[in-house]
Amino acid sequence: MRFLIRYLIKIPILKRLIPSFFKRLIFFFKKYKKEILVNNIYFDLDLRHLIDRRFYFHNTYEDELFIPLYKIINEHKADFFLMLVLAGEYIL
């Protein structure tokens, strides 16, 4: 089921409808907690939160931020990396 939703959500009109409908369903049935397996790692999600619902549908978390960062770290052969997240803002 989730496999099908991942492809349907790419259609522009369904991109907004599916998450909205899904949100109403989870609040109606009060099934907020969900455990999913992504890349052999189990994630406990609380689907009341937008970021968890986005992760549930797309199986990724802000790739547009982390892929360029990963490339920069590999180019400069960094030994360590420190990232702080304060109030939703990234500080590198």
PDB file of N, CA and C in Angstrom:
ATOM      1  N   MET A   1       0.830  -1.200   0.000  1.00  0.00           N
ATOM      2  CA  MET A   1       0.000   0.000   0.000  1.00  0.00           C
ATOM      3  C   MET A   1       0.873   1.262   0.000  1.00  0.00           C
ATOM      4  N   ARG A   2       1.852   1.280   0.910  1.00  0.00           N
ATOM      5  CA  ARG A   2       2.725   2.449   0.981  1.00  0.00           C
ATOM      6  C   ARG A   2       3.522   2.619  -0.292  1.00  0.00           C
ATOM      7  N   PHE A   3       3.885   1.494  -0.911  1.00  0.00           N
ATOM      8  CA  PHE A   3       4.621   1.516  -2.175  1.00  0.00           C
ATOM      9  C   PHE A   3       3.821   2.244  -3.249  1.00  0.00           C
ATOM     10  N   LEU A   4       2.544   1.957  -3.336  1.00  0.00           N
ATOM     11  CA  LEU A   4       1.658   2.594  -4.309  1.00  0.00           C
ATOM     12  C   LEU A   4       1.506   4.091  -4.007  1.00  0.00           C
ATOM     13  N   ILE A   5       1.358   4.425  -2.759  1.00  0.00           N
ATOM     14  CA  ILE A   5       1.185   5.829  -2.358  1.00  0.00           C
ATOM     15  C   ILE A   5       2.417   6.652  -2.724  1.00  0.00           C
ATOM     16  N   ARG A   6       3.618   6.054  -2.587  1.00  0.00           N
ATOM     17  CA  ARG A   6       4.845   6.783  -2.921  1.00  0.00           C
ATOM     18  C   ARG A   6       4.868   7.229  -4.371  1.00  0.00           C
ATOM     19  N   TYR A   7       4.261   6.463  -5.251  1.00  0.00           N
ATOM     20  CA  TYR A   7       4.228   6.844  -6.662  1.00  0.00           C
ATOM     21  C   TYR A   7       3.058   7.761  -6.978  1.00  0.00           C
ATOM     22  N   LEU A   8       1.941   7.551  -6.335  1.00  0.00           N
ATOM     23  CA  LEU A   8       0.778   8.408  -6.572  1.00  0.00           C
ATOM     24  C   LEU A   8       1.010   9.828  -6.064  1.00  0.00           C
ATOM     25  N   ILE A   9       1.801   9.950  -5.013  1.00  0.00           N
ATOM     26  CA  ILE A   9       2.027  11.266  -4.405  1.00  0.00           C
ATOM     27  C   ILE A   9       2.874  12.168  -5.306  1.00  0.00           C
ATOM     28  N   LYS A  10       3.480  11.610  -6.330  1.00  0.00           N
ATOM     29  CA  LYS A  10       4.271  12.408  -7.274  1.00  0.00           C
ATOM     30  C   LYS A  10       3.401  13.125  -8.297  1.00  0.00           C
ATOM     31  N   ILE A  11       2.144  12.730  -8.417  1.00  0.00           N
ATOM     32  CA  ILE A  11       1.208  13.392  -9.329  1.00  0.00           C
ATOM     33  C   ILE A  11       0.783  14.704  -8.673  1.00  0.00           C
ATOM     34  N   PRO A  12       0.901  15.824  -9.385  1.00  0.00           N
ATOM     35  CA  PRO A  12       0.695  17.134  -8.761  1.00  0.00           C
ATOM     36  C   PRO A  12      -0.604  17.287  -7.952  1.00  0.00           C
ATOM     37  N   ILE A  13      -1.736  16.873  -8.469  1.00  0.00           N
ATOM     38  CA  ILE A  13      -2.992  17.066  -7.735  1.00  0.00           C
ATOM     39  C   ILE A  13      -3.058  16.178  -6.496  1.00  0.00           C
ATOM     40  N   LEU A  14      -2.480  14.985  -6.593  1.00  0.00           N
ATOM     41  CA  LEU A  14      -2.498  14.052  -5.463  1.00  0.00           C
ATOM     42  C   LEU A  14      -1.442  14.378  -4.423  1.00  0.00           C
ATOM     43  N   LYS A  15      -0.475  15.197  -4.810  1.00  0.00           N
ATOM     44  CA  LYS A  15       0.602  15.585  -3.910  1.00  0.00           C
ATOM     45  C   LYS A  15       0.060  16.253  -2.639  1.00  0.00           C
ATOM     46  N   ARG A  16      -1.019  16.977  -2.768  1.00  0.00           N
ATOM     47  CA  ARG A  16      -1.640  17.657  -1.618  1.00  0.00           C
ATOM     48  C   ARG A  16      -2.799  16.854  -1.033  1.00  0.00           C
ATOM     49  N   LEU A  17      -3.515  16.158  -1.893  1.00  0.00           N
ATOM     50  CA  LEU A  17      -4.707  15.437  -1.433  1.00  0.00           C
ATOM     51  C   LEU A  17      -4.390  14.223  -0.559  1.00  0.00           C
ATOM     52  N   ILE A  18      -3.410  13.434  -0.963  1.00  0.00           N
ATOM     53  CA  ILE A  18      -3.093  12.215  -0.219  1.00  0.00           C
ATOM     54  C   ILE A  18      -2.644  12.519   1.212  1.00  0.00           C
ATOM     55  N   PRO A  19      -1.669  13.421   1.432  1.00  0.00           N
ATOM     56  CA  PRO A  19      -1.278  13.714   2.818  1.00  0.00           C
ATOM     57  C   PRO A  19      -2.426  14.304   3.649  1.00  0.00           C
ATOM     58  N   SER A  20      -3.249  15.131   3.040  1.00  0.00           N
ATOM     59  CA  SER A  20      -4.374  15.726   3.753  1.00  0.00           C
ATOM     60  C   SER A  20      -5.380  14.656   4.165  1.00  0.00           C
ATOM     61  N   PHE A  21      -5.702  13.782   3.244  1.00  0.00           N
ATOM     62  CA  PHE A  21      -6.641  12.695   3.531  1.00  0.00           C
ATOM     63  C   PHE A  21      -6.059  11.751   4.583  1.00  0.00           C
ATOM     64  N   PHE A  22      -4.786  11.440   4.444  1.00  0.00           N
ATOM     65  CA  PHE A  22      -4.113  10.559   5.387  1.00  0.00           C
ATOM     66  C   PHE A  22      -4.113  11.149   6.798  1.00  0.00           C
ATOM     67  N   LYS A  23      -3.876  12.445   6.888  1.00  0.00           N
ATOM     68  CA  LYS A  23      -3.880  13.125   8.187  1.00  0.00           C
ATOM     69  C   LYS A  23      -5.248  13.010   8.857  1.00  0.00           C
ATOM     70  N   ARG A  24      -6.290  13.193   8.087  1.00  0.00           N
ATOM     71  CA  ARG A  24      -7.640  13.067   8.637  1.00  0.00           C
ATOM     72  C   ARG A  24      -7.921  11.639   9.103  1.00  0.00           C
ATOM     73  N   LEU A  25      -7.434  10.667   8.360  1.00  0.00           N
ATOM     74  CA  LEU A  25      -7.633   9.268   8.746  1.00  0.00           C
ATOM     75  C   LEU A  25      -6.934   8.934  10.061  1.00  0.00           C
ATOM     76  N   ILE A  26      -5.685   9.350  10.205  1.00  0.00           N
ATOM     77  CA  ILE A  26      -4.967   9.009  11.430  1.00  0.00           C
ATOM     78  C   ILE A  26      -5.568   9.698  12.646  1.00  0.00           C
ATOM     79  N   PHE A  27      -6.100  10.906  12.469  1.00  0.00           N
ATOM     80  CA  PHE A  27      -6.746  11.570  13.594  1.00  0.00           C
ATOM     81  C   PHE A  27      -8.098  10.933  13.907  1.00  0.00           C
ATOM     82  N   PHE A  28      -8.799  10.473  12.887  1.00  0.00           N
ATOM     83  CA  PHE A  28     -10.093   9.843  13.092  1.00  0.00           C
ATOM     84  C   PHE A  28      -9.942   8.498  13.813  1.00  0.00           C
ATOM     85  N   PHE A  29      -9.000   7.684  13.366  1.00  0.00           N
ATOM     86  CA  PHE A  29      -8.804   6.358  13.955  1.00  0.00           C
ATOM     87  C   PHE A  29      -7.835   6.354  15.133  1.00  0.00           C
ATOM     88  N   LYS A  30      -7.214   7.504  15.414  1.00  0.00           N
ATOM     89  CA  LYS A  30      -6.280   7.661  16.527  1.00  0.00           C
ATOM     90  C   LYS A  30      -5.134   6.642  16.471  1.00  0.00           C
ATOM     91  N   LYS A  31      -4.609   6.447  15.278  1.00  0.00           N
ATOM     92  CA  LYS A  31      -3.447   5.563  15.088  1.00  0.00           C
ATOM     93  C   LYS A  31      -2.268   6.425  14.665  1.00  0.00           C
ATOM     94  N   TYR A  32      -1.663   7.076  15.646  1.00  0.00           N
ATOM     95  CA  TYR A  32      -0.596   8.029  15.370  1.00  0.00           C
ATOM     96  C   TYR A  32       0.761   7.365  15.205  1.00  0.00           C
ATOM     97  N   LYS A  33       0.995   6.320  15.956  1.00  0.00           N
ATOM     98  CA  LYS A  33       2.318   5.690  15.987  1.00  0.00           C
ATOM     99  C   LYS A  33       2.443   4.686  14.854  1.00  0.00           C
ATOM    100  N   LYS A  34       3.585   4.748  14.174  1.00  0.00           N
ATOM    101  CA  LYS A  34       3.837   3.838  13.064  1.00  0.00           C
ATOM    102  C   LYS A  34       5.319   3.494  13.071  1.00  0.00           C
ATOM    103  N   GLU A  35       5.633   2.242  12.846  1.00  0.00           N
ATOM    104  CA  GLU A  35       7.021   1.808  12.755  1.00  0.00           C
ATOM    105  C   GLU A  35       7.264   1.370  11.315  1.00  0.00           C
ATOM    106  N   ILE A  36       8.312   1.949  10.710  1.00  0.00           N
ATOM    107  CA  ILE A  36       8.628   1.592   9.324  1.00  0.00           C
ATOM    108  C   ILE A  36      10.096   1.191   9.227  1.00  0.00           C
ATOM    109  N   LEU A  37      10.404   0.430   8.198  1.00  0.00           N
ATOM    110  CA  LEU A  37      11.765  -0.018   7.942  1.00  0.00           C
ATOM    111  C   LEU A  37      12.285   0.693   6.697  1.00  0.00           C
ATOM    112  N   VAL A  38      13.372   1.442   6.861  1.00  0.00           N
ATOM    113  CA  VAL A  38      14.005   2.150   5.744  1.00  0.00           C
ATOM    114  C   VAL A  38      15.503   1.877   5.833  1.00  0.00           C
ATOM    115  N   ASN A  39      16.055   1.309   4.776  1.00  0.00           N
ATOM    116  CA  ASN A  39      17.489   0.981   4.727  1.00  0.00           C
ATOM    117  C   ASN A  39      17.934   0.146   5.925  1.00  0.00           C
ATOM    118  N   ASN A  40      17.142  -0.857   6.258  1.00  0.00           N
ATOM    119  CA  ASN A  40      17.424  -1.776   7.375  1.00  0.00           C
ATOM    120  C   ASN A  40      17.476  -1.086   8.737  1.00  0.00           C
ATOM    121  N   ILE A  41      16.820   0.035   8.860  1.00  0.00           N
ATOM    122  CA  ILE A  41      16.719   0.753  10.136  1.00  0.00           C
ATOM    123  C   ILE A  41      15.241   0.951  10.433  1.00  0.00           C
ATOM    124  N   TYR A  42      14.839   0.607  11.648  1.00  0.00           N
ATOM    125  CA  TYR A  42      13.445   0.817  12.058  1.00  0.00           C
ATOM    126  C   TYR A  42      13.281   2.226  12.601  1.00  0.00           C
ATOM    127  N   PHE A  43      12.258   2.905  12.135  1.00  0.00           N
ATOM    128  CA  PHE A  43      11.949   4.253  12.594  1.00  0.00           C
ATOM    129  C   PHE A  43      10.575   4.233  13.252  1.00  0.00           C
ATOM    130  N   ASP A  44      10.505   4.777  14.473  1.00  0.00           N
ATOM    131  CA  ASP A  44       9.224   4.949  15.152  1.00  0.00           C
ATOM    132  C   ASP A  44       8.738   6.351  14.836  1.00  0.00           C
ATOM    133  N   LEU A  45       7.640   6.448  14.116  1.00  0.00           N
ATOM    134  CA  LEU A  45       7.129   7.742  13.698  1.00  0.00           C
ATOM    135  C   LEU A  45       5.853   8.085  14.455  1.00  0.00           C
ATOM    136  N   ASP A  46       5.669   9.358  14.688  1.00  0.00           N
ATOM    137  CA  ASP A  46       4.420   9.889  15.225  1.00  0.00           C
ATOM    138  C   ASP A  46       3.798  10.696  14.097  1.00  0.00           C
ATOM    139  N   LEU A  47       2.795  10.137  13.449  1.00  0.00           N
ATOM    140  CA  LEU A  47       2.257  10.709  12.213  1.00  0.00           C
ATOM    141  C   LEU A  47       1.431  11.975  12.437  1.00  0.00           C
ATOM    142  N   ARG A  48       1.324  12.429  13.662  1.00  0.00           N
ATOM    143  CA  ARG A  48       0.678  13.720  13.906  1.00  0.00           C
ATOM    144  C   ARG A  48       1.584  14.866  13.460  1.00  0.00           C
ATOM    145  N   HIS A  49       2.880  14.598  13.386  1.00  0.00           N
ATOM    146  CA  HIS A  49       3.855  15.624  13.025  1.00  0.00           C
ATOM    147  C   HIS A  49       4.131  15.607  11.529  1.00  0.00           C
ATOM    148  N   LEU A  50       4.180  16.787  10.949  1.00  0.00           N
ATOM    149  CA  LEU A  50       4.373  16.937   9.505  1.00  0.00           C
ATOM    150  C   LEU A  50       5.652  16.265   9.021  1.00  0.00           C
ATOM    151  N   ILE A  51       6.748  16.446   9.728  1.00  0.00           N
ATOM    152  CA  ILE A  51       8.026  15.895   9.279  1.00  0.00           C
ATOM    153  C   ILE A  51       7.992  14.378   9.279  1.00  0.00           C
ATOM    154  N   ASP A  52       7.301  13.776  10.237  1.00  0.00           N
ATOM    155  CA  ASP A  52       7.176  12.319  10.274  1.00  0.00           C
ATOM    156  C   ASP A  52       6.288  11.807   9.146  1.00  0.00           C
ATOM    157  N   ARG A  53       5.219  12.542   8.838  1.00  0.00           N
ATOM    158  CA  ARG A  53       4.366  12.137   7.713  1.00  0.00           C
ATOM    159  C   ARG A  53       5.134  12.244   6.401  1.00  0.00           C
ATOM    160  N   ARG A  54       5.924  13.284   6.258  1.00  0.00           N
ATOM    161  CA  ARG A  54       6.725  13.447   5.037  1.00  0.00           C
ATOM    162  C   ARG A  54       7.725  12.303   4.900  1.00  0.00           C
ATOM    163  N   PHE A  55       8.362  11.950   5.996  1.00  0.00           N
ATOM    164  CA  PHE A  55       9.303  10.834   5.982  1.00  0.00           C
ATOM    165  C   PHE A  55       8.578   9.526   5.665  1.00  0.00           C
ATOM    166  N   TYR A  56       7.378   9.352   6.183  1.00  0.00           N
ATOM    167  CA  TYR A  56       6.578   8.153   5.939  1.00  0.00           C
ATOM    168  C   TYR A  56       6.265   7.993   4.453  1.00  0.00           C
ATOM    169  N   PHE A  57       5.924   9.075   3.778  1.00  0.00           N
ATOM    170  CA  PHE A  57       5.569   9.016   2.366  1.00  0.00           C
ATOM    171  C   PHE A  57       6.776   8.937   1.440  1.00  0.00           C
ATOM    172  N   HIS A  58       7.841   9.640   1.760  1.00  0.00           N
ATOM    173  CA  HIS A  58       8.965   9.771   0.832  1.00  0.00           C
ATOM    174  C   HIS A  58      10.190   8.927   1.191  1.00  0.00           C
ATOM    175  N   ASN A  59      10.247   8.402   2.408  1.00  0.00           N
ATOM    176  CA  ASN A  59      11.381   7.605   2.891  1.00  0.00           C
ATOM    177  C   ASN A  59      12.705   8.360   2.858  1.00  0.00           C
ATOM    178  N   THR A  60      12.653   9.658   2.841  1.00  0.00           N
ATOM    179  CA  THR A  60      13.866  10.476   2.896  1.00  0.00           C
ATOM    180  C   THR A  60      13.589  11.671   3.800  1.00  0.00           C
ATOM    181  N   TYR A  61      14.660  12.299   4.231  1.00  0.00           N
ATOM    182  CA  TYR A  61      14.531  13.472   5.080  1.00  0.00           C
ATOM    183  C   TYR A  61      15.401  14.584   4.530  1.00  0.00           C
ATOM    184  N   GLU A  62      14.792  15.533   3.871  1.00  0.00           N
ATOM    185  CA  GLU A  62      15.456  16.731   3.372  1.00  0.00           C
ATOM    186  C   GLU A  62      16.730  16.438   2.596  1.00  0.00           C
ATOM    187  N   ASP A  63      16.610  15.606   1.575  1.00  0.00           N
ATOM    188  CA  ASP A  63      17.770  15.285   0.735  1.00  0.00           C
ATOM    189  C   ASP A  63      18.368  16.515   0.090  1.00  0.00           C
ATOM    190  N   GLU A  64      17.530  17.499  -0.223  1.00  0.00           N
ATOM    191  CA  GLU A  64      18.041  18.700  -0.868  1.00  0.00           C
ATOM    192  C   GLU A  64      19.029  19.449   0.023  1.00  0.00           C
ATOM    193  N   LEU A  65      18.997  19.206   1.326  1.00  0.00           N
ATOM    194  CA  LEU A  65      19.961  19.830   2.236  1.00  0.00           C
ATOM    195  C   LEU A  65      21.182  18.941   2.461  1.00  0.00           C
ATOM    196  N   PHE A  66      20.958  17.641   2.583  1.00  0.00           N
ATOM    197  CA  PHE A  66      22.040  16.763   3.001  1.00  0.00           C
ATOM    198  C   PHE A  66      22.918  16.262   1.860  1.00  0.00           C
ATOM    199  N   ILE A  67      22.410  16.124   0.662  1.00  0.00           N
ATOM    200  CA  ILE A  67      23.239  15.643  -0.449  1.00  0.00           C
ATOM    201  C   ILE A  67      24.344  16.646  -0.794  1.00  0.00           C
ATOM    202  N   PRO A  68      24.042  17.951  -0.953  1.00  0.00           N
ATOM    203  CA  PRO A  68      25.143  18.903  -1.204  1.00  0.00           C
ATOM    204  C   PRO A  68      26.140  18.954  -0.038  1.00  0.00           C
ATOM    205  N   LEU A  69      25.635  18.849   1.163  1.00  0.00           N
ATOM    206  CA  LEU A  69      26.504  18.861   2.334  1.00  0.00           C
ATOM    207  C   LEU A  69      27.426  17.648   2.331  1.00  0.00           C
ATOM    208  N   TYR A  70      26.904  16.507   1.994  1.00  0.00           N
ATOM    209  CA  TYR A  70      27.692  15.277   1.904  1.00  0.00           C
ATOM    210  C   TYR A  70      28.812  15.432   0.863  1.00  0.00           C
ATOM    211  N   LYS A  71      28.495  16.059  -0.269  1.00  0.00           N
ATOM    212  CA  LYS A  71      29.496  16.263  -1.316  1.00  0.00           C
ATOM    213  C   LYS A  71      30.614  17.188  -0.839  1.00  0.00           C
ATOM    214  N   ILE A  72      30.254  18.241  -0.119  1.00  0.00           N
ATOM    215  CA  ILE A  72      31.261  19.187   0.396  1.00  0.00           C
ATOM    216  C   ILE A  72      32.186  18.493   1.396  1.00  0.00           C
ATOM    217  N   ILE A  73      31.602  17.690   2.273  1.00  0.00           N
ATOM    218  CA  ILE A  73      32.404  16.979   3.271  1.00  0.00           C
ATOM    219  C   ILE A  73      33.381  16.026   2.586  1.00  0.00           C
ATOM    220  N   ASN A  74      32.918  15.326   1.552  1.00  0.00           N
ATOM    221  CA  ASN A  74      33.797  14.391   0.850  1.00  0.00           C
ATOM    222  C   ASN A  74      34.873  15.106   0.038  1.00  0.00           C
ATOM    223  N   GLU A  75      34.550  16.248  -0.561  1.00  0.00           N
ATOM    224  CA  GLU A  75      35.540  17.007  -1.335  1.00  0.00           C
ATOM    225  C   GLU A  75      36.693  17.479  -0.467  1.00  0.00           C
ATOM    226  N   HIS A  76      36.372  17.946   0.732  1.00  0.00           N
ATOM    227  CA  HIS A  76      37.389  18.523   1.616  1.00  0.00           C
ATOM    228  C   HIS A  76      37.968  17.499   2.583  1.00  0.00           C
ATOM    229  N   LYS A  77      37.523  16.263   2.465  1.00  0.00           N
ATOM    230  CA  LYS A  77      38.031  15.163   3.301  1.00  0.00           C
ATOM    231  C   LYS A  77      38.019  15.545   4.788  1.00  0.00           C
ATOM    232  N   ALA A  78      36.884  16.012   5.253  1.00  0.00           N
ATOM    233  CA  ALA A  78      36.735  16.431   6.652  1.00  0.00           C
ATOM    234  C   ALA A  78      36.808  15.230   7.583  1.00  0.00           C
ATOM    235  N   ASP A  79      37.495  15.405   8.695  1.00  0.00           N
ATOM    236  CA  ASP A  79      37.594  14.342   9.695  1.00  0.00           C
ATOM    237  C   ASP A  79      36.368  14.308  10.594  1.00  0.00           C
ATOM    238  N   PHE A  80      35.780  15.473  10.817  1.00  0.00           N
ATOM    239  CA  PHE A  80      34.575  15.518  11.640  1.00  0.00           C
ATOM    240  C   PHE A  80      33.673  16.625  11.118  1.00  0.00           C
ATOM    241  N   PHE A  81      32.441  16.576  11.533  1.00  0.00           N
ATOM    242  CA  PHE A  81      31.457  17.552  11.103  1.00  0.00           C
ATOM    243  C   PHE A  81      30.512  17.811  12.265  1.00  0.00           C
ATOM    244  N   LEU A  82      30.243  19.059  12.540  1.00  0.00           N
ATOM    245  CA  LEU A  82      29.344  19.438  13.622  1.00  0.00           C
ATOM    246  C   LEU A  82      28.185  20.227  13.043  1.00  0.00           C
ATOM    247  N   MET A  83      27.000  19.776  13.333  1.00  0.00           N
ATOM    248  CA  MET A  83      25.811  20.481  12.876  1.00  0.00           C
ATOM    249  C   MET A  83      24.868  20.635  14.059  1.00  0.00           C
ATOM    250  N   LEU A  84      24.463  21.854  14.312  1.00  0.00           N
ATOM    251  CA  LEU A  84      23.510  22.134  15.374  1.00  0.00           C
ATOM    252  C   LEU A  84      22.177  22.524  14.745  1.00  0.00           C
ATOM    253  N   VAL A  85      21.109  22.043  15.327  1.00  0.00           N
ATOM    254  CA  VAL A  85      19.780  22.417  14.859  1.00  0.00           C
ATOM    255  C   VAL A  85      19.085  23.125  16.010  1.00  0.00           C
ATOM    256  N   LEU A  86      18.842  24.413  15.815  1.00  0.00           N
ATOM    257  CA  LEU A  86      18.185  25.226  16.828  1.00  0.00           C
ATOM    258  C   LEU A  86      16.939  25.835  16.242  1.00  0.00           C
ATOM    259  N   ALA A  87      15.809  25.517  16.801  1.00  0.00           N
ATOM    260  CA  ALA A  87      14.522  26.048  16.363  1.00  0.00           C
ATOM    261  C   ALA A  87      14.298  25.825  14.860  1.00  0.00           C
ATOM    262  N   GLY A  88      14.717  24.661  14.392  1.00  0.00           N
ATOM    263  CA  GLY A  88      14.492  24.324  13.005  1.00  0.00           C
ATOM    264  C   GLY A  88      15.489  24.900  12.033  1.00  0.00           C
ATOM    265  N   GLU A  89      16.457  25.680  12.498  1.00  0.00           N
ATOM    266  CA  GLU A  89      17.462  26.275  11.626  1.00  0.00           C
ATOM    267  C   GLU A  89      18.770  25.518  11.774  1.00  0.00           C
ATOM    268  N   TYR A  90      19.467  25.318  10.669  1.00  0.00           N
ATOM    269  CA  TYR A  90      20.721  24.590  10.679  1.00  0.00           C
ATOM    270  C   TYR A  90      21.873  25.572  10.839  1.00  0.00           C
ATOM    271  N   ILE A  91      22.797  25.234  11.722  1.00  0.00           N
ATOM    272  CA  ILE A  91      23.991  26.023  11.925  1.00  0.00           C
ATOM    273  C   ILE A  91      25.173  25.114  11.645  1.00  0.00           C
ATOM    274  N   LEU A  92      25.964  25.423  10.630  1.00  0.00           N
ATOM    275  CA  LEU A  92      27.089  24.561  10.256  1.00  0.00           C
ATOM    276  C   LEU A  92      28.393  25.166  10.707  1.00  0.00           C
TER     277      LEU A  92
END
